[in-house]
Amino acid sequence: MKVGYARTSTHDQMAGYEAQIRELEEARCEKIFKEKVSSMADQRLQLDAALDLIREGDELMVTKLDRLARSVADLLHIVERVKSKGASIYIGNLGRINGDPMGALLLNVLGAIAQFEREMMLERQRDGIAKAKSEGKYKGRAPTARAKSGEVRQLAQAGVTKAEIARRLGIGEASVYRILSSRSYTPR
């Protein structure tokens, strides 16, 4: 059985995500596992489900190497997990990886390059943010309602209505209710 896996890091990358799914469908994958999670931060529950499903003679298909693994160590762990089940991995732009010495070398080299590329991109991103901050151009993410919970509580204790609190702080009224109903809030 051909089992496909598609992943995107953010919800904003829909075109690439849809292209992965199309490619896996065209390859006639019988089951496609899909998820929108960062490979660095989140658990990849659908990848785990795909790896649990495959059996001897099956093939796990991905469109690109970077959709599968976080690092060389992660890649080798996944390859070993697939290999231990008697299955193989097919990477769209590389072909079938079945655990032979040449395939292992190729995966190690390409995985190391992909990991290096990712780390360099993150370093450039950090440098850009630091430069923008020093020039006063970067403010960071807007504060969330949770970050404003102290202000919400103060205004509520001062007798301001929930609707007015939401308007003043630029948050949703539901957030105000949620903050005020949490256990840590005790009105006067």
N, C-alpha and C. Protein backbone atom coordinates (compact mmCIF):
# COMPACT_ATOMS: atom_id res chain seq x y z
N MET A 1 0.84 -1.17 0.00
CA MET A 1 0.00 0.00 0.00
C MET A 1 0.89 1.25 0.00
N LYS A 2 0.46 2.25 -0.75
CA LYS A 2 1.16 3.53 -0.77
C LYS A 2 0.48 4.46 0.22
N VAL A 3 1.26 4.96 1.16
CA VAL A 3 0.76 5.86 2.19
C VAL A 3 1.45 7.21 2.00
N GLY A 4 0.67 8.26 1.82
CA GLY A 4 1.22 9.58 1.60
C GLY A 4 1.22 10.42 2.86
N TYR A 5 2.17 11.37 2.92
CA TYR A 5 2.24 12.31 4.05
C TYR A 5 2.52 13.70 3.49
N ALA A 6 1.66 14.65 3.84
CA ALA A 6 1.81 16.04 3.42
C ALA A 6 1.81 16.92 4.65
N ARG A 7 2.71 17.90 4.69
CA ARG A 7 2.79 18.80 5.84
C ARG A 7 3.18 20.20 5.38
N THR A 8 2.60 21.17 6.04
CA THR A 8 3.01 22.55 5.87
C THR A 8 3.21 23.14 7.25
N SER A 9 4.11 24.11 7.35
CA SER A 9 4.44 24.68 8.65
C SER A 9 3.40 25.67 9.14
N THR A 10 2.78 26.40 8.22
CA THR A 10 1.82 27.42 8.63
C THR A 10 0.56 27.29 7.80
N HIS A 11 -0.48 27.89 8.30
CA HIS A 11 -1.77 27.88 7.59
C HIS A 11 -1.71 28.79 6.36
N ASP A 12 -0.68 29.64 6.27
CA ASP A 12 -0.55 30.56 5.14
C ASP A 12 0.05 29.91 3.89
N GLN A 13 0.55 28.70 4.01
CA GLN A 13 1.23 28.05 2.90
C GLN A 13 0.32 27.08 2.16
N MET A 14 -0.90 27.50 1.89
CA MET A 14 -1.90 26.61 1.30
C MET A 14 -1.53 26.11 -0.09
N ALA A 15 -0.93 26.95 -0.92
CA ALA A 15 -0.62 26.52 -2.29
C ALA A 15 0.34 25.34 -2.27
N GLY A 16 1.39 25.41 -1.47
CA GLY A 16 2.35 24.32 -1.38
C GLY A 16 1.74 23.07 -0.79
N TYR A 17 0.87 23.27 0.18
CA TYR A 17 0.18 22.16 0.84
C TYR A 17 -0.72 21.43 -0.15
N GLU A 18 -1.51 22.19 -0.89
CA GLU A 18 -2.40 21.60 -1.88
C GLU A 18 -1.62 20.91 -2.99
N ALA A 19 -0.47 21.48 -3.37
CA ALA A 19 0.36 20.86 -4.40
C ALA A 19 0.89 19.51 -3.92
N GLN A 20 1.28 19.44 -2.64
CA GLN A 20 1.74 18.16 -2.09
C GLN A 20 0.64 17.11 -2.17
N ILE A 21 -0.56 17.50 -1.76
CA ILE A 21 -1.68 16.55 -1.75
C ILE A 21 -1.98 16.08 -3.17
N ARG A 22 -1.99 17.03 -4.13
CA ARG A 22 -2.22 16.65 -5.54
C ARG A 22 -1.18 15.65 -6.02
N GLU A 23 0.08 15.92 -5.71
CA GLU A 23 1.16 15.04 -6.16
C GLU A 23 1.00 13.63 -5.54
N LEU A 24 0.61 13.57 -4.29
CA LEU A 24 0.41 12.27 -3.63
C LEU A 24 -0.79 11.54 -4.21
N GLU A 25 -1.83 12.30 -4.55
CA GLU A 25 -3.01 11.68 -5.19
C GLU A 25 -2.65 11.16 -6.57
N GLU A 26 -1.86 11.92 -7.32
CA GLU A 26 -1.43 11.49 -8.65
C GLU A 26 -0.56 10.25 -8.58
N ALA A 27 0.17 10.10 -7.48
CA ALA A 27 1.01 8.91 -7.29
C ALA A 27 0.19 7.71 -6.81
N ARG A 28 -1.13 7.92 -6.70
CA ARG A 28 -2.08 6.88 -6.31
C ARG A 28 -1.88 6.36 -4.88
N CYS A 29 -1.62 7.29 -3.97
CA CYS A 29 -1.55 6.91 -2.55
C CYS A 29 -2.95 6.49 -2.12
N GLU A 30 -3.02 5.37 -1.44
CA GLU A 30 -4.32 4.87 -0.99
C GLU A 30 -4.80 5.60 0.26
N LYS A 31 -3.88 6.10 1.05
CA LYS A 31 -4.21 6.85 2.26
C LYS A 31 -3.22 8.01 2.35
N ILE A 32 -3.74 9.22 2.58
CA ILE A 32 -2.87 10.40 2.69
C ILE A 32 -3.10 11.03 4.06
N PHE A 33 -2.04 11.16 4.81
CA PHE A 33 -2.08 11.83 6.11
C PHE A 33 -1.61 13.26 5.89
N LYS A 34 -2.37 14.23 6.43
CA LYS A 34 -2.07 15.64 6.18
C LYS A 34 -2.11 16.40 7.49
N GLU A 35 -1.19 17.36 7.62
CA GLU A 35 -1.23 18.22 8.80
C GLU A 35 -0.56 19.56 8.53
N LYS A 36 -0.98 20.53 9.33
CA LYS A 36 -0.44 21.89 9.25
C LYS A 36 0.21 22.21 10.59
N VAL A 37 1.43 21.76 10.77
CA VAL A 37 2.17 22.01 12.00
C VAL A 37 3.63 22.27 11.67
N SER A 38 4.26 23.05 12.51
CA SER A 38 5.69 23.28 12.36
C SER A 38 6.41 22.00 12.73
N SER A 39 7.36 21.62 11.92
CA SER A 39 8.11 20.40 12.24
C SER A 39 9.04 20.63 13.42
N MET A 40 9.32 21.89 13.72
CA MET A 40 10.24 22.19 14.81
C MET A 40 9.55 22.26 16.17
N ALA A 41 8.31 22.71 16.20
CA ALA A 41 7.69 23.01 17.47
C ALA A 41 6.63 22.00 17.91
N ASP A 42 5.92 21.45 17.01
CA ASP A 42 4.75 20.68 17.37
C ASP A 42 4.95 19.19 17.15
N GLN A 43 4.10 18.41 17.82
CA GLN A 43 4.05 16.98 17.55
C GLN A 43 3.42 16.79 16.19
N ARG A 44 3.92 15.84 15.46
CA ARG A 44 3.35 15.54 14.15
C ARG A 44 2.52 14.27 14.28
N LEU A 45 1.31 14.45 14.75
CA LEU A 45 0.44 13.32 15.03
C LEU A 45 0.08 12.53 13.78
N GLN A 46 -0.10 13.22 12.66
CA GLN A 46 -0.46 12.53 11.42
C GLN A 46 0.73 11.73 10.88
N LEU A 47 1.95 12.24 11.05
CA LEU A 47 3.13 11.46 10.64
C LEU A 47 3.22 10.21 11.49
N ASP A 48 3.01 10.36 12.80
CA ASP A 48 3.03 9.18 13.67
C ASP A 48 1.96 8.17 13.25
N ALA A 49 0.78 8.67 12.88
CA ALA A 49 -0.30 7.77 12.44
C ALA A 49 0.10 7.05 11.16
N ALA A 50 0.72 7.76 10.24
CA ALA A 50 1.18 7.14 8.98
C ALA A 50 2.22 6.07 9.27
N LEU A 51 3.16 6.37 10.16
CA LEU A 51 4.21 5.41 10.49
C LEU A 51 3.64 4.20 11.22
N ASP A 52 2.59 4.41 12.02
CA ASP A 52 1.94 3.29 12.69
C ASP A 52 1.19 2.40 11.70
N LEU A 53 0.64 3.00 10.65
CA LEU A 53 -0.17 2.27 9.68
C LEU A 53 0.65 1.37 8.77
N ILE A 54 1.82 1.83 8.34
CA ILE A 54 2.56 1.07 7.32
C ILE A 54 2.98 -0.31 7.82
N ARG A 55 2.99 -1.23 6.87
CA ARG A 55 3.35 -2.62 7.15
C ARG A 55 4.40 -3.07 6.13
N GLU A 56 4.81 -4.30 6.26
CA GLU A 56 5.82 -4.85 5.35
C GLU A 56 5.36 -4.73 3.90
N GLY A 57 6.24 -4.23 3.06
CA GLY A 57 5.96 -4.05 1.64
C GLY A 57 5.30 -2.72 1.30
N ASP A 58 4.87 -1.96 2.30
CA ASP A 58 4.24 -0.66 2.05
C ASP A 58 5.31 0.39 1.72
N GLU A 59 4.82 1.52 1.25
CA GLU A 59 5.71 2.62 0.88
C GLU A 59 5.15 3.92 1.45
N LEU A 60 5.98 4.63 2.23
CA LEU A 60 5.62 5.95 2.73
C LEU A 60 6.11 6.97 1.71
N MET A 61 5.19 7.79 1.21
CA MET A 61 5.55 8.76 0.17
C MET A 61 5.42 10.19 0.69
N VAL A 62 6.44 11.00 0.39
CA VAL A 62 6.41 12.44 0.64
C VAL A 62 6.91 13.12 -0.62
N THR A 63 6.55 14.38 -0.79
CA THR A 63 6.96 15.07 -2.01
C THR A 63 8.38 15.61 -1.92
N LYS A 64 8.80 16.01 -0.72
CA LYS A 64 10.14 16.55 -0.53
C LYS A 64 10.67 16.12 0.82
N LEU A 65 11.97 16.05 0.93
CA LEU A 65 12.63 15.61 2.15
C LEU A 65 12.29 16.51 3.34
N ASP A 66 12.23 17.82 3.12
CA ASP A 66 11.98 18.74 4.24
C ASP A 66 10.56 18.67 4.78
N ARG A 67 9.66 17.99 4.08
CA ARG A 67 8.30 17.79 4.60
C ARG A 67 8.26 16.63 5.58
N LEU A 68 9.31 15.83 5.62
CA LEU A 68 9.34 14.62 6.42
C LEU A 68 10.06 14.78 7.75
N ALA A 69 11.24 15.42 7.74
CA ALA A 69 12.09 15.39 8.93
C ALA A 69 12.54 16.78 9.38
N ARG A 70 12.80 16.88 10.68
CA ARG A 70 13.26 18.12 11.31
C ARG A 70 14.78 18.30 11.19
N SER A 71 15.48 17.19 11.26
CA SER A 71 16.94 17.20 11.31
C SER A 71 17.45 15.87 10.78
N VAL A 72 18.76 15.76 10.68
CA VAL A 72 19.34 14.49 10.23
C VAL A 72 18.98 13.38 11.21
N ALA A 73 19.07 13.68 12.51
CA ALA A 73 18.74 12.66 13.52
C ALA A 73 17.28 12.23 13.41
N ASP A 74 16.39 13.19 13.21
CA ASP A 74 14.96 12.89 13.05
C ASP A 74 14.74 12.05 11.79
N LEU A 75 15.39 12.43 10.72
CA LEU A 75 15.28 11.70 9.46
C LEU A 75 15.74 10.25 9.63
N LEU A 76 16.89 10.06 10.27
CA LEU A 76 17.41 8.70 10.46
C LEU A 76 16.48 7.88 11.35
N HIS A 77 15.88 8.52 12.35
CA HIS A 77 14.92 7.83 13.21
C HIS A 77 13.70 7.37 12.40
N ILE A 78 13.19 8.25 11.55
CA ILE A 78 12.02 7.90 10.72
C ILE A 78 12.38 6.77 9.75
N VAL A 79 13.54 6.90 9.11
CA VAL A 79 13.97 5.86 8.16
C VAL A 79 14.09 4.51 8.88
N GLU A 80 14.68 4.52 10.06
CA GLU A 80 14.83 3.27 10.82
C GLU A 80 13.48 2.68 11.21
N ARG A 81 12.55 3.55 11.57
CA ARG A 81 11.20 3.10 11.94
C ARG A 81 10.50 2.45 10.74
N VAL A 82 10.65 3.05 9.57
CA VAL A 82 10.04 2.52 8.35
C VAL A 82 10.71 1.20 7.97
N LYS A 83 12.03 1.21 8.02
CA LYS A 83 12.81 0.03 7.65
C LYS A 83 12.51 -1.16 8.57
N SER A 84 12.32 -0.88 9.87
CA SER A 84 12.04 -1.96 10.82
C SER A 84 10.71 -2.65 10.54
N LYS A 85 9.84 -1.97 9.82
CA LYS A 85 8.55 -2.56 9.45
C LYS A 85 8.60 -3.25 8.10
N GLY A 86 9.76 -3.22 7.44
CA GLY A 86 9.89 -3.85 6.14
C GLY A 86 9.29 -3.00 5.02
N ALA A 87 9.14 -1.71 5.28
CA ALA A 87 8.57 -0.79 4.28
C ALA A 87 9.69 0.08 3.72
N SER A 88 9.33 0.93 2.76
CA SER A 88 10.31 1.84 2.17
C SER A 88 9.74 3.25 2.14
N ILE A 89 10.62 4.20 1.85
CA ILE A 89 10.23 5.60 1.74
C ILE A 89 10.45 6.03 0.30
N TYR A 90 9.50 6.77 -0.22
CA TYR A 90 9.65 7.34 -1.56
C TYR A 90 9.54 8.86 -1.41
N ILE A 91 10.60 9.56 -1.81
CA ILE A 91 10.63 11.02 -1.75
C ILE A 91 10.54 11.53 -3.18
N GLY A 92 9.48 12.29 -3.46
CA GLY A 92 9.15 12.72 -4.81
C GLY A 92 10.31 13.16 -5.67
N ASN A 93 11.19 14.02 -5.15
CA ASN A 93 12.27 14.52 -5.98
C ASN A 93 13.57 13.71 -5.84
N LEU A 94 13.54 12.63 -5.04
CA LEU A 94 14.75 11.81 -4.86
C LEU A 94 14.56 10.36 -5.27
N GLY A 95 13.34 9.86 -5.18
CA GLY A 95 13.09 8.47 -5.51
C GLY A 95 12.96 7.61 -4.27
N ARG A 96 13.07 6.31 -4.47
CA ARG A 96 12.86 5.34 -3.39
C ARG A 96 14.10 5.23 -2.50
N ILE A 97 13.86 5.26 -1.21
CA ILE A 97 14.92 5.07 -0.22
C ILE A 97 14.59 3.77 0.49
N ASN A 98 15.44 2.78 0.33
CA ASN A 98 15.13 1.48 0.92
C ASN A 98 16.15 0.99 1.93
N GLY A 99 17.04 1.88 2.38
CA GLY A 99 17.96 1.50 3.44
C GLY A 99 19.27 0.92 2.97
N ASP A 100 19.53 0.89 1.66
CA ASP A 100 20.83 0.39 1.21
C ASP A 100 21.90 1.44 1.52
N PRO A 101 23.19 1.07 1.47
CA PRO A 101 24.25 2.01 1.84
C PRO A 101 24.24 3.32 1.03
N MET A 102 23.99 3.23 -0.27
CA MET A 102 23.97 4.44 -1.10
C MET A 102 22.81 5.35 -0.72
N GLY A 103 21.65 4.76 -0.46
CA GLY A 103 20.49 5.53 -0.03
C GLY A 103 20.74 6.20 1.32
N ALA A 104 21.40 5.46 2.24
CA ALA A 104 21.71 6.02 3.55
C ALA A 104 22.66 7.21 3.43
N LEU A 105 23.66 7.08 2.56
CA LEU A 105 24.61 8.18 2.34
C LEU A 105 23.87 9.39 1.77
N LEU A 106 23.05 9.16 0.78
CA LEU A 106 22.30 10.24 0.15
C LEU A 106 21.41 10.95 1.17
N LEU A 107 20.70 10.19 1.99
CA LEU A 107 19.83 10.79 3.00
C LEU A 107 20.62 11.61 4.01
N ASN A 108 21.76 11.08 4.46
CA ASN A 108 22.58 11.81 5.42
C ASN A 108 23.07 13.13 4.86
N VAL A 109 23.56 13.09 3.63
CA VAL A 109 24.10 14.31 3.01
C VAL A 109 22.98 15.33 2.77
N LEU A 110 21.90 14.89 2.15
CA LEU A 110 20.80 15.81 1.86
C LEU A 110 20.12 16.30 3.14
N GLY A 111 19.99 15.42 4.12
CA GLY A 111 19.40 15.82 5.40
C GLY A 111 20.26 16.87 6.10
N ALA A 112 21.59 16.68 6.04
CA ALA A 112 22.49 17.66 6.66
C ALA A 112 22.41 19.00 5.94
N ILE A 113 22.31 18.98 4.63
CA ILE A 113 22.18 20.23 3.87
C ILE A 113 20.86 20.92 4.21
N ALA A 114 19.79 20.17 4.29
CA ALA A 114 18.48 20.75 4.62
C ALA A 114 18.49 21.35 6.02
N GLN A 115 19.11 20.65 6.97
CA GLN A 115 19.19 21.16 8.34
C GLN A 115 20.03 22.43 8.37
N PHE A 116 21.16 22.44 7.67
CA PHE A 116 22.02 23.62 7.60
C PHE A 116 21.26 24.81 6.99
N GLU A 117 20.54 24.54 5.92
CA GLU A 117 19.75 25.58 5.24
C GLU A 117 18.72 26.18 6.20
N ARG A 118 18.03 25.34 6.95
CA ARG A 118 17.02 25.80 7.91
C ARG A 118 17.66 26.66 9.00
N GLU A 119 18.77 26.20 9.54
CA GLU A 119 19.45 26.95 10.60
C GLU A 119 19.96 28.30 10.09
N MET A 120 20.44 28.34 8.85
CA MET A 120 20.90 29.61 8.27
C MET A 120 19.73 30.57 8.07
N MET A 121 18.58 30.04 7.63
CA MET A 121 17.40 30.87 7.44
C MET A 121 16.94 31.47 8.78
N LEU A 122 16.95 30.66 9.84
CA LEU A 122 16.56 31.15 11.16
C LEU A 122 17.54 32.20 11.67
N GLU A 123 18.81 32.00 11.40
CA GLU A 123 19.82 32.99 11.81
C GLU A 123 19.61 34.32 11.08
N ARG A 124 19.33 34.25 9.77
CA ARG A 124 19.06 35.48 9.02
C ARG A 124 17.80 36.16 9.53
N GLN A 125 16.80 35.37 9.89
CA GLN A 125 15.56 35.93 10.44
C GLN A 125 15.84 36.64 11.76
N ARG A 126 16.61 36.01 12.65
CA ARG A 126 16.95 36.64 13.93
C ARG A 126 17.73 37.92 13.72
N ASP A 127 18.68 37.90 12.77
CA ASP A 127 19.47 39.11 12.47
C ASP A 127 18.57 40.23 11.97
N GLY A 128 17.63 39.89 11.09
CA GLY A 128 16.71 40.89 10.54
C GLY A 128 15.82 41.50 11.62
N ILE A 129 15.35 40.67 12.53
CA ILE A 129 14.51 41.17 13.62
C ILE A 129 15.33 42.07 14.54
N ALA A 130 16.56 41.66 14.85
CA ALA A 130 17.41 42.49 15.71
C ALA A 130 17.68 43.84 15.07
N LYS A 131 17.95 43.85 13.77
CA LYS A 131 18.20 45.11 13.06
C LYS A 131 16.95 45.99 13.06
N ALA A 132 15.80 45.40 12.78
CA ALA A 132 14.55 46.16 12.77
C ALA A 132 14.24 46.72 14.15
N LYS A 133 14.52 45.95 15.20
CA LYS A 133 14.29 46.44 16.57
C LYS A 133 15.20 47.62 16.87
N SER A 134 16.47 47.52 16.47
CA SER A 134 17.41 48.60 16.75
C SER A 134 17.04 49.88 16.00
N GLU A 135 16.34 49.74 14.88
CA GLU A 135 15.90 50.91 14.10
C GLU A 135 14.50 51.36 14.51
N GLY A 136 13.92 50.67 15.50
CA GLY A 136 12.58 51.03 15.97
C GLY A 136 11.46 50.65 15.02
N LYS A 137 11.74 49.76 14.08
CA LYS A 137 10.74 49.38 13.08
C LYS A 137 10.00 48.10 13.45
N TYR A 138 10.47 47.39 14.43
CA TYR A 138 9.87 46.11 14.79
C TYR A 138 9.23 46.24 16.17
N LYS A 139 7.98 46.01 16.23
CA LYS A 139 7.27 46.11 17.50
C LYS A 139 6.95 44.73 18.06
N GLY A 140 7.06 43.71 17.24
CA GLY A 140 6.70 42.37 17.68
C GLY A 140 5.22 42.13 17.49
N ARG A 141 4.79 40.99 17.92
CA ARG A 141 3.39 40.61 17.79
C ARG A 141 2.53 41.48 18.71
N ALA A 142 1.35 41.81 18.26
CA ALA A 142 0.43 42.58 19.08
C ALA A 142 0.08 41.80 20.33
N PRO A 143 -0.05 42.46 21.47
CA PRO A 143 -0.36 41.74 22.70
C PRO A 143 -1.69 40.99 22.58
N THR A 144 -1.71 39.81 23.10
CA THR A 144 -2.93 39.02 23.07
C THR A 144 -3.83 39.42 24.22
N ALA A 145 -5.05 38.95 24.18
CA ALA A 145 -5.98 39.24 25.27
C ALA A 145 -5.42 38.75 26.60
N ARG A 146 -4.76 37.60 26.58
CA ARG A 146 -4.19 37.05 27.81
C ARG A 146 -3.15 38.01 28.39
N ALA A 147 -2.37 38.64 27.53
CA ALA A 147 -1.36 39.60 27.99
C ALA A 147 -2.01 40.83 28.61
N LYS A 148 -3.24 41.08 28.26
CA LYS A 148 -3.95 42.26 28.78
C LYS A 148 -4.87 41.90 29.95
N SER A 149 -4.74 40.70 30.49
CA SER A 149 -5.67 40.26 31.53
C SER A 149 -5.63 41.14 32.76
N GLY A 150 -4.46 41.65 33.12
CA GLY A 150 -4.37 42.54 34.27
C GLY A 150 -5.18 43.81 34.05
N GLU A 151 -5.08 44.37 32.85
CA GLU A 151 -5.84 45.58 32.52
C GLU A 151 -7.34 45.29 32.54
N VAL A 152 -7.72 44.12 32.01
CA VAL A 152 -9.13 43.74 31.99
C VAL A 152 -9.66 43.70 33.43
N ARG A 153 -8.92 43.06 34.31
CA ARG A 153 -9.36 42.94 35.70
C ARG A 153 -9.46 44.30 36.39
N GLN A 154 -8.47 45.17 36.13
CA GLN A 154 -8.49 46.50 36.75
C GLN A 154 -9.72 47.28 36.30
N LEU A 155 -10.00 47.26 35.01
CA LEU A 155 -11.15 48.00 34.50
C LEU A 155 -12.46 47.42 35.03
N ALA A 156 -12.53 46.10 35.13
CA ALA A 156 -13.75 45.46 35.65
C ALA A 156 -13.96 45.84 37.11
N GLN A 157 -12.88 45.86 37.87
CA GLN A 157 -13.00 46.22 39.28
C GLN A 157 -13.38 47.69 39.45
N ALA A 158 -13.05 48.51 38.44
CA ALA A 158 -13.42 49.92 38.47
C ALA A 158 -14.86 50.13 38.01
N GLY A 159 -15.54 49.04 37.64
CA GLY A 159 -16.94 49.14 37.26
C GLY A 159 -17.21 49.38 35.79
N VAL A 160 -16.19 49.27 34.95
CA VAL A 160 -16.37 49.45 33.51
C VAL A 160 -17.07 48.22 32.94
N THR A 161 -18.00 48.41 32.03
CA THR A 161 -18.73 47.27 31.45
C THR A 161 -17.80 46.42 30.59
N LYS A 162 -18.19 45.17 30.43
CA LYS A 162 -17.39 44.23 29.64
C LYS A 162 -17.25 44.69 28.19
N ALA A 163 -18.32 45.21 27.62
CA ALA A 163 -18.29 45.70 26.24
C ALA A 163 -17.33 46.88 26.12
N GLU A 164 -17.33 47.76 27.10
CA GLU A 164 -16.45 48.93 27.08
C GLU A 164 -14.98 48.51 27.27
N ILE A 165 -14.76 47.53 28.12
CA ILE A 165 -13.39 47.01 28.32
C ILE A 165 -12.85 46.47 27.00
N ALA A 166 -13.67 45.68 26.32
CA ALA A 166 -13.25 45.11 25.03
C ALA A 166 -12.93 46.21 24.03
N ARG A 167 -13.78 47.23 23.97
CA ARG A 167 -13.55 48.32 23.02
C ARG A 167 -12.27 49.08 23.36
N ARG A 168 -12.07 49.42 24.63
CA ARG A 168 -10.88 50.18 25.04
C ARG A 168 -9.57 49.42 24.78
N LEU A 169 -9.60 48.13 25.02
CA LEU A 169 -8.37 47.34 24.90
C LEU A 169 -8.18 46.70 23.52
N GLY A 170 -9.19 46.82 22.68
CA GLY A 170 -9.07 46.27 21.33
C GLY A 170 -9.06 44.75 21.30
N ILE A 171 -9.82 44.14 22.20
CA ILE A 171 -9.92 42.69 22.22
C ILE A 171 -11.39 42.31 22.12
N GLY A 172 -11.66 41.05 21.90
CA GLY A 172 -13.04 40.60 21.78
C GLY A 172 -13.75 40.55 23.13
N GLU A 173 -15.03 40.78 23.09
CA GLU A 173 -15.82 40.75 24.32
C GLU A 173 -15.78 39.35 24.95
N ALA A 174 -15.74 38.33 24.12
CA ALA A 174 -15.64 36.96 24.63
C ALA A 174 -14.36 36.76 25.42
N SER A 175 -13.28 37.42 24.99
CA SER A 175 -12.01 37.33 25.72
C SER A 175 -12.14 37.97 27.09
N VAL A 176 -12.86 39.07 27.16
CA VAL A 176 -13.08 39.74 28.45
C VAL A 176 -13.83 38.79 29.38
N TYR A 177 -14.90 38.19 28.89
CA TYR A 177 -15.67 37.24 29.70
C TYR A 177 -14.79 36.08 30.16
N ARG A 178 -13.96 35.57 29.23
CA ARG A 178 -13.09 34.43 29.55
C ARG A 178 -12.10 34.79 30.66
N ILE A 179 -11.49 35.97 30.54
CA ILE A 179 -10.51 36.41 31.55
C ILE A 179 -11.20 36.58 32.90
N LEU A 180 -12.36 37.21 32.89
CA LEU A 180 -13.05 37.48 34.15
C LEU A 180 -13.65 36.23 34.78
N SER A 181 -13.88 35.20 33.99
CA SER A 181 -14.44 33.97 34.56
C SER A 181 -13.36 33.01 35.02
N SER A 182 -12.10 33.32 34.73
CA SER A 182 -11.01 32.43 35.16
C SER A 182 -10.89 32.47 36.68
N ARG A 183 -10.36 31.42 37.27
CA ARG A 183 -10.27 31.29 38.72
C ARG A 183 -9.45 32.38 39.39
N SER A 184 -8.49 32.93 38.66
CA SER A 184 -7.59 33.90 39.27
C SER A 184 -8.25 35.28 39.44
N TYR A 185 -9.44 35.47 38.89
CA TYR A 185 -10.12 36.76 39.01
C TYR A 185 -11.08 36.72 40.20
N THR A 186 -10.90 37.66 41.09
CA THR A 186 -11.83 37.78 42.21
C THR A 186 -12.27 39.23 42.30
N PRO A 187 -13.55 39.51 42.02
CA PRO A 187 -14.04 40.88 42.07
C PRO A 187 -14.04 41.40 43.49
N ARG A 188 -14.04 42.72 43.62
CA ARG A 188 -14.07 43.35 44.95
C ARG A 188 -15.37 43.11 45.64
